[in-house]
């Protein structure tokens, strides 16, 4: 579950973000405590707290004193926007750069993406 190649606290933050995005954690819903997270992943509670606090700093979670951490209103939309931007930088930009090197224009690239989508969905390409 935990990838040794990246900081654990970042992975914890990403998993909580993923749960928000997937609807497992609803806005205004309570997030598992750092001790629960630490026990589940068998990590130090301070590491779990660092991941949670990263999301607090980003405004995705907030603390209710004496009660725990909760998902902030608008957190799902914020995570979605963040992940879409990451998708653009990580996949779309390199794809377009490589396509340009190969002399593939926007129309042909669009056609290739449509073809791939059709193959993935099991329907014939247009």
Protein backbone atom coordinates (compact mmCIF):
# COMPACT_ATOMS: atom_id res chain seq x y z
CA UNK A 1 0.00 0.00 0.00
CA UNK A 2 2.77 2.43 0.87
CA UNK A 3 5.33 3.20 -1.84
CA UNK A 4 8.87 3.50 -0.47
CA UNK A 5 9.97 5.80 -3.30
CA UNK A 6 7.96 8.80 -2.05
CA UNK A 7 7.44 10.43 1.36
CA UNK A 8 4.78 8.57 3.32
CA UNK A 9 3.07 11.76 4.54
CA UNK A 10 2.48 12.81 0.91
CA UNK A 11 0.99 9.41 0.13
CA UNK A 12 -1.33 9.72 3.14
CA UNK A 13 -2.46 13.14 1.93
CA UNK A 14 -3.03 11.78 -1.60
CA UNK A 15 -5.08 8.86 -0.28
CA UNK A 16 -7.30 11.19 1.72
CA UNK A 17 -7.65 13.41 -1.36
CA UNK A 18 -8.60 10.30 -3.35
CA UNK A 19 -11.25 9.38 -0.78
CA UNK A 20 -12.66 12.91 -1.04
CA UNK A 21 -12.66 12.70 -4.83
CA UNK A 22 -14.29 9.25 -4.81
CA UNK A 23 -16.96 10.37 -2.33
CA UNK A 24 -15.77 8.03 0.42
CA UNK A 25 -15.19 11.13 2.54
CA UNK A 26 -17.98 13.68 2.12
CA UNK A 27 -17.64 17.43 2.61
CA UNK A 28 -18.27 18.25 6.28
CA UNK A 29 -17.65 14.57 7.04
CA UNK A 30 -15.15 13.49 9.66
CA UNK A 31 -11.75 12.17 8.60
CA UNK A 32 -10.18 9.24 10.47
CA UNK A 33 -7.92 10.38 13.29
CA UNK A 34 -4.18 10.44 12.85
CA UNK A 35 -3.95 7.52 15.30
CA UNK A 36 -6.43 5.51 13.20
CA UNK A 37 -4.50 6.32 10.03
CA UNK A 38 -1.21 5.43 11.72
CA UNK A 39 -2.56 2.10 12.98
CA UNK A 40 -4.09 1.20 9.59
CA UNK A 41 -0.88 1.89 7.64
CA UNK A 42 1.43 0.87 10.51
CA UNK A 43 3.25 4.19 10.50
CA UNK A 44 4.24 6.73 13.10
CA UNK A 45 1.31 8.94 14.19
CA UNK A 46 3.50 12.01 13.59
CA UNK A 47 3.85 10.97 9.93
CA UNK A 48 0.08 10.56 9.62
CA UNK A 49 -0.39 13.97 11.26
CA UNK A 50 2.02 15.53 8.79
CA UNK A 51 -0.07 14.21 5.88
CA UNK A 52 -3.31 15.45 7.44
CA UNK A 53 -1.78 18.84 8.25
CA UNK A 54 -0.65 19.20 4.65
CA UNK A 55 -4.33 19.04 3.66
CA UNK A 56 -5.26 21.48 6.42
CA UNK A 57 -2.66 23.91 5.06
CA UNK A 58 -4.24 23.52 1.59
CA UNK A 59 -7.69 24.27 3.02
CA UNK A 60 -9.07 20.83 2.22
CA UNK A 61 -9.51 19.78 5.84
CA UNK A 62 -10.27 21.74 8.98
CA UNK A 63 -10.16 20.98 12.68
CA UNK A 64 -13.05 21.14 15.10
CA UNK A 65 -11.42 21.54 18.46
CA UNK A 66 -11.92 18.49 20.64
CA UNK A 67 -13.79 16.61 17.92
CA UNK A 68 -11.39 15.95 15.06
CA UNK A 69 -10.66 16.74 11.43
CA UNK A 70 -13.35 17.31 8.82
CA UNK A 71 -13.50 17.72 5.05
CA UNK A 72 -13.88 21.39 4.16
CA UNK A 73 -16.71 22.65 1.98
CA UNK A 74 -15.52 22.82 -1.63
CA UNK A 75 -12.74 20.29 -1.00
CA UNK A 76 -13.92 17.90 -3.72
CA UNK A 77 -13.93 20.65 -6.35
CA UNK A 78 -10.49 21.81 -5.21
CA UNK A 79 -9.04 18.27 -5.39
CA UNK A 80 -10.63 17.76 -8.80
CA UNK A 81 -9.10 21.00 -10.12
CA UNK A 82 -5.71 20.10 -8.65
CA UNK A 83 -5.75 16.59 -10.12
CA UNK A 84 -6.85 17.87 -13.54
CA UNK A 85 -3.95 20.31 -13.58
CA UNK A 86 -1.57 17.50 -12.59
CA UNK A 87 -3.03 15.35 -15.37
CA UNK A 88 -2.43 18.13 -17.86
CA UNK A 89 1.20 18.64 -16.79
CA UNK A 90 2.03 14.95 -16.36
CA UNK A 91 0.29 13.47 -19.41
CA UNK A 92 -1.12 16.00 -21.87
CA UNK A 93 1.93 18.26 -22.20
CA UNK A 94 4.40 15.37 -22.74
CA UNK A 95 1.96 13.71 -25.15
CA UNK A 96 1.67 16.87 -27.21
CA UNK A 97 5.44 17.38 -27.16
CA UNK A 98 6.06 13.85 -28.44
CA UNK A 99 3.31 14.19 -31.05
CA UNK A 100 4.94 17.39 -32.32
CA UNK A 101 8.28 15.55 -32.64
CA UNK A 102 6.57 12.87 -34.72
CA UNK A 103 4.80 15.38 -36.92
CA UNK A 104 1.39 14.52 -35.52
CA UNK A 105 -0.95 17.50 -35.65
CA UNK A 106 -3.85 18.31 -33.37
CA UNK A 107 -6.45 16.68 -35.61
CA UNK A 108 -4.50 13.44 -35.94
CA UNK A 109 -3.73 13.40 -32.21
CA UNK A 110 -7.42 13.91 -31.46
CA UNK A 111 -8.26 11.03 -33.82
CA UNK A 112 -5.72 8.79 -32.07
CA UNK A 113 -7.22 9.61 -28.67
CA UNK A 114 -10.72 8.89 -29.97
CA UNK A 115 -9.48 5.60 -31.42
CA UNK A 116 -7.95 4.63 -28.09
CA UNK A 117 -11.15 5.52 -26.25
CA UNK A 118 -13.22 3.48 -28.67
CA UNK A 119 -10.91 0.48 -28.30
CA UNK A 120 -11.04 0.77 -24.52
CA UNK A 121 -14.83 0.93 -24.58
CA UNK A 122 -15.03 -1.94 -27.06
CA UNK A 123 -16.77 0.13 -29.73
CA UNK A 124 -15.48 0.70 -33.26
CA UNK A 125 -13.58 3.94 -33.87
CA UNK A 126 -15.31 6.60 -36.03
